[in-house]
Amino acid sequence: MNKIRLNQYFNLKEFECPCCHRVMLSEILLEKLFRLRFKLGKPVLINSGFRCEAYNYKVKGSKGSYHMLGLAADICVPETILSDLYQVVLQLNFTGIGFYEKKNFLHLDVRPGKLFEWRE
């Protein structure tokens, strides 16, 4: 299920909820991730895409998580320094950027409004 190729870099399965296998995915988020992958010239791994309410609760996600709307993804890029990845991401106009240094990933989202950033 969900083995649908979205473009040359991503397939739908990468964005599905691990517990129920449902997927919601914003076209804008996918386009920005595509541009990120193209710009980097190396794989962008999706650690977390869509989350159903139950799974979001299980992983202690925020109550209003953009993951539950298909507007967010947590990503990492092997062999890339997180601060360097962050600088590239800033150029692509994501509107939510979470910098998780200890866990070595970025949260990226396309929420409405102006840029909102945080670090953990």
C-alpha atoms as a PDB file:
ATOM      1  CA  MET A   1       0.000   0.000   0.000  1.00  0.00           C
ATOM      2  CA  ASN A   2       1.128   3.580  -0.704  1.00  0.00           C
ATOM      3  CA  LYS A   3       3.950   2.448  -2.981  1.00  0.00           C
ATOM      4  CA  ILE A   4       3.095   5.303  -5.316  1.00  0.00           C
ATOM      5  CA  ARG A   5       6.008   7.240  -6.787  1.00  0.00           C
ATOM      6  CA  LEU A   6       5.411  10.982  -6.341  1.00  0.00           C
ATOM      7  CA  ASN A   7       8.456  12.178  -8.272  1.00  0.00           C
ATOM      8  CA  GLN A   8      12.001  10.996  -8.900  1.00  0.00           C
ATOM      9  CA  TYR A   9      12.957  11.553  -5.244  1.00  0.00           C
ATOM     10  CA  PHE A  10       9.994  10.579  -3.075  1.00  0.00           C
ATOM     11  CA  ASN A  11       7.243   7.995  -2.810  1.00  0.00           C
ATOM     12  CA  LEU A  12       4.008   8.215  -0.858  1.00  0.00           C
ATOM     13  CA  LYS A  13       5.014   5.503   1.616  1.00  0.00           C
ATOM     14  CA  GLU A  14       7.728   7.766   3.063  1.00  0.00           C
ATOM     15  CA  PHE A  15       5.028  10.154   4.290  1.00  0.00           C
ATOM     16  CA  GLU A  16       2.515   7.643   5.703  1.00  0.00           C
ATOM     17  CA  CYS A  17       1.572   7.326   9.366  1.00  0.00           C
ATOM     18  CA  PRO A  18       3.442   4.362  10.887  1.00  0.00           C
ATOM     19  CA  CYS A  19       0.425   3.150  12.861  1.00  0.00           C
ATOM     20  CA  CYS A  20      -2.510   3.392  10.421  1.00  0.00           C
ATOM     21  CA  HIS A  21      -0.693   3.847   7.069  1.00  0.00           C
ATOM     22  CA  ARG A  22      -2.916   6.780   6.101  1.00  0.00           C
ATOM     23  CA  VAL A  23      -1.359   9.724   4.280  1.00  0.00           C
ATOM     24  CA  MET A  24      -2.152  13.375   3.849  1.00  0.00           C
ATOM     25  CA  LEU A  25       0.467  15.395   2.006  1.00  0.00           C
ATOM     26  CA  SER A  26       0.436  19.016   0.963  1.00  0.00           C
ATOM     27  CA  GLU A  27       1.511  19.641  -2.622  1.00  0.00           C
ATOM     28  CA  ILE A  28       3.368  22.735  -1.403  1.00  0.00           C
ATOM     29  CA  LEU A  29       5.338  20.698   1.151  1.00  0.00           C
ATOM     30  CA  LEU A  30       6.191  18.086  -1.469  1.00  0.00           C
ATOM     31  CA  GLU A  31       7.341  20.755  -3.929  1.00  0.00           C
ATOM     32  CA  LYS A  32       9.597  22.416  -1.343  1.00  0.00           C
ATOM     33  CA  LEU A  33      11.089  19.050  -0.332  1.00  0.00           C
ATOM     34  CA  PHE A  34      11.662  18.269  -4.015  1.00  0.00           C
ATOM     35  CA  ARG A  35      13.487  21.585  -4.429  1.00  0.00           C
ATOM     36  CA  LEU A  36      15.541  20.870  -1.305  1.00  0.00           C
ATOM     37  CA  ARG A  37      16.535  17.432  -2.606  1.00  0.00           C
ATOM     38  CA  PHE A  38      17.443  18.870  -6.013  1.00  0.00           C
ATOM     39  CA  LYS A  39      19.483  21.694  -4.480  1.00  0.00           C
ATOM     40  CA  LEU A  40      21.415  19.349  -2.153  1.00  0.00           C
ATOM     41  CA  GLY A  41      22.063  16.666  -4.749  1.00  0.00           C
ATOM     42  CA  LYS A  42      21.709  13.961  -2.100  1.00  0.00           C
ATOM     43  CA  PRO A  43      18.871  12.011  -0.437  1.00  0.00           C
ATOM     44  CA  VAL A  44      16.520  13.707   2.000  1.00  0.00           C
ATOM     45  CA  LEU A  45      15.177  11.143   4.470  1.00  0.00           C
ATOM     46  CA  ILE A  46      11.675  11.584   5.862  1.00  0.00           C
ATOM     47  CA  ASN A  47      11.727  10.636   9.552  1.00  0.00           C
ATOM     48  CA  SER A  48       8.102  11.589  10.119  1.00  0.00           C
ATOM     49  CA  GLY A  49       5.435  12.719   7.672  1.00  0.00           C
ATOM     50  CA  PHE A  50       1.697  12.432   8.272  1.00  0.00           C
ATOM     51  CA  ARG A  51       0.591  11.456  11.774  1.00  0.00           C
ATOM     52  CA  CYS A  52      -2.889  10.407  12.794  1.00  0.00           C
ATOM     53  CA  GLU A  53      -4.109  11.816  16.105  1.00  0.00           C
ATOM     54  CA  ALA A  54      -3.343   8.598  18.008  1.00  0.00           C
ATOM     55  CA  TYR A  55       0.212   8.349  16.705  1.00  0.00           C
ATOM     56  CA  ASN A  56       0.853  12.046  17.271  1.00  0.00           C
ATOM     57  CA  TYR A  57      -0.220  11.563  20.902  1.00  0.00           C
ATOM     58  CA  LYS A  58       2.026   8.489  21.205  1.00  0.00           C
ATOM     59  CA  VAL A  59       5.120  10.394  20.052  1.00  0.00           C
ATOM     60  CA  LYS A  60       4.187  13.392  22.230  1.00  0.00           C
ATOM     61  CA  GLY A  61       3.631  15.705  19.268  1.00  0.00           C
ATOM     62  CA  SER A  62       1.931  19.038  19.874  1.00  0.00           C
ATOM     63  CA  LYS A  63      -1.886  19.019  19.941  1.00  0.00           C
ATOM     64  CA  GLY A  64      -2.040  21.242  16.871  1.00  0.00           C
ATOM     65  CA  SER A  65       0.777  19.486  15.006  1.00  0.00           C
ATOM     66  CA  TYR A  66       1.044  20.307  11.326  1.00  0.00           C
ATOM     67  CA  HIS A  67       1.983  16.656  10.794  1.00  0.00           C
ATOM     68  CA  MET A  68      -1.703  15.802  11.402  1.00  0.00           C
ATOM     69  CA  LEU A  69      -2.673  18.057   8.480  1.00  0.00           C
ATOM     70  CA  GLY A  70      -0.073  16.765   6.029  1.00  0.00           C
ATOM     71  CA  LEU A  71       1.755  20.092   6.165  1.00  0.00           C
ATOM     72  CA  ALA A  72       4.947  18.931   7.938  1.00  0.00           C
ATOM     73  CA  ALA A  73       7.848  16.528   7.704  1.00  0.00           C
ATOM     74  CA  ASP A  74      10.815  15.815   9.923  1.00  0.00           C
ATOM     75  CA  ILE A  75      13.899  15.257   7.801  1.00  0.00           C
ATOM     76  CA  CYS A  76      17.561  14.421   7.944  1.00  0.00           C
ATOM     77  CA  VAL A  77      20.238  14.293   5.293  1.00  0.00           C
ATOM     78  CA  PRO A  78      23.020  11.780   5.922  1.00  0.00           C
ATOM     79  CA  GLU A  79      26.546  13.152   5.983  1.00  0.00           C
ATOM     80  CA  THR A  80      25.298  16.729   6.182  1.00  0.00           C
ATOM     81  CA  ILE A  81      25.913  19.070   9.092  1.00  0.00           C
ATOM     82  CA  LEU A  82      22.555  20.149  10.498  1.00  0.00           C
ATOM     83  CA  SER A  83      23.481  23.837  10.600  1.00  0.00           C
ATOM     84  CA  ASP A  84      24.478  23.678   6.907  1.00  0.00           C
ATOM     85  CA  LEU A  85      21.169  21.992   6.061  1.00  0.00           C
ATOM     86  CA  TYR A  86      19.349  24.699   7.998  1.00  0.00           C
ATOM     87  CA  GLN A  87      20.994  27.410   5.872  1.00  0.00           C
ATOM     88  CA  VAL A  88      19.788  25.731   2.673  1.00  0.00           C
ATOM     89  CA  VAL A  89      16.273  25.247   4.074  1.00  0.00           C
ATOM     90  CA  LEU A  90      16.019  28.969   4.893  1.00  0.00           C
ATOM     91  CA  GLN A  91      16.362  29.750   1.183  1.00  0.00           C
ATOM     92  CA  LEU A  92      13.313  27.631   0.294  1.00  0.00           C
ATOM     93  CA  ASN A  93      10.729  29.599   2.295  1.00  0.00           C
ATOM     94  CA  PHE A  94       9.384  26.927   4.613  1.00  0.00           C
ATOM     95  CA  THR A  95       7.166  28.716   7.146  1.00  0.00           C
ATOM     96  CA  GLY A  96       7.923  26.425  10.100  1.00  0.00           C
ATOM     97  CA  ILE A  97      11.449  25.270  10.913  1.00  0.00           C
ATOM     98  CA  GLY A  98      12.344  23.347  14.026  1.00  0.00           C
ATOM     99  CA  PHE A  99      16.037  22.705  14.683  1.00  0.00           C
ATOM    100  CA  TYR A 100      16.545  19.514  16.737  1.00  0.00           C
ATOM    101  CA  GLU A 101      20.287  19.454  17.233  1.00  0.00           C
ATOM    102  CA  LYS A 102      20.484  16.586  19.758  1.00  0.00           C
ATOM    103  CA  LYS A 103      18.323  14.327  17.570  1.00  0.00           C
ATOM    104  CA  ASN A 104      19.959  15.573  14.331  1.00  0.00           C
ATOM    105  CA  PHE A 105      16.870  16.465  12.306  1.00  0.00           C
ATOM    106  CA  LEU A 106      14.882  19.446  11.086  1.00  0.00           C
ATOM    107  CA  HIS A 107      11.123  19.818  11.301  1.00  0.00           C
ATOM    108  CA  LEU A 108       9.862  21.585   8.174  1.00  0.00           C
ATOM    109  CA  ASP A 109       6.341  22.767   7.543  1.00  0.00           C
ATOM    110  CA  VAL A 110       4.288  24.990   5.285  1.00  0.00           C
ATOM    111  CA  ARG A 111       1.916  26.513   7.846  1.00  0.00           C
ATOM    112  CA  PRO A 112       0.073  29.665   6.819  1.00  0.00           C
ATOM    113  CA  GLY A 113       1.688  32.948   7.772  1.00  0.00           C
ATOM    114  CA  LYS A 114       5.181  34.170   8.448  1.00  0.00           C
ATOM    115  CA  LEU A 115       8.261  32.148   9.341  1.00  0.00           C
ATOM    116  CA  PHE A 116       8.167  30.541  12.792  1.00  0.00           C
ATOM    117  CA  GLU A 117      11.377  28.932  14.081  1.00  0.00           C
ATOM    118  CA  TRP A 118      12.406  27.057  17.231  1.00  0.00           C
ATOM    119  CA  ARG A 119      15.312  25.043  18.585  1.00  0.00           C
ATOM    120  CA  GLU A 120      15.357  22.017  20.861  1.00  0.00           C
END
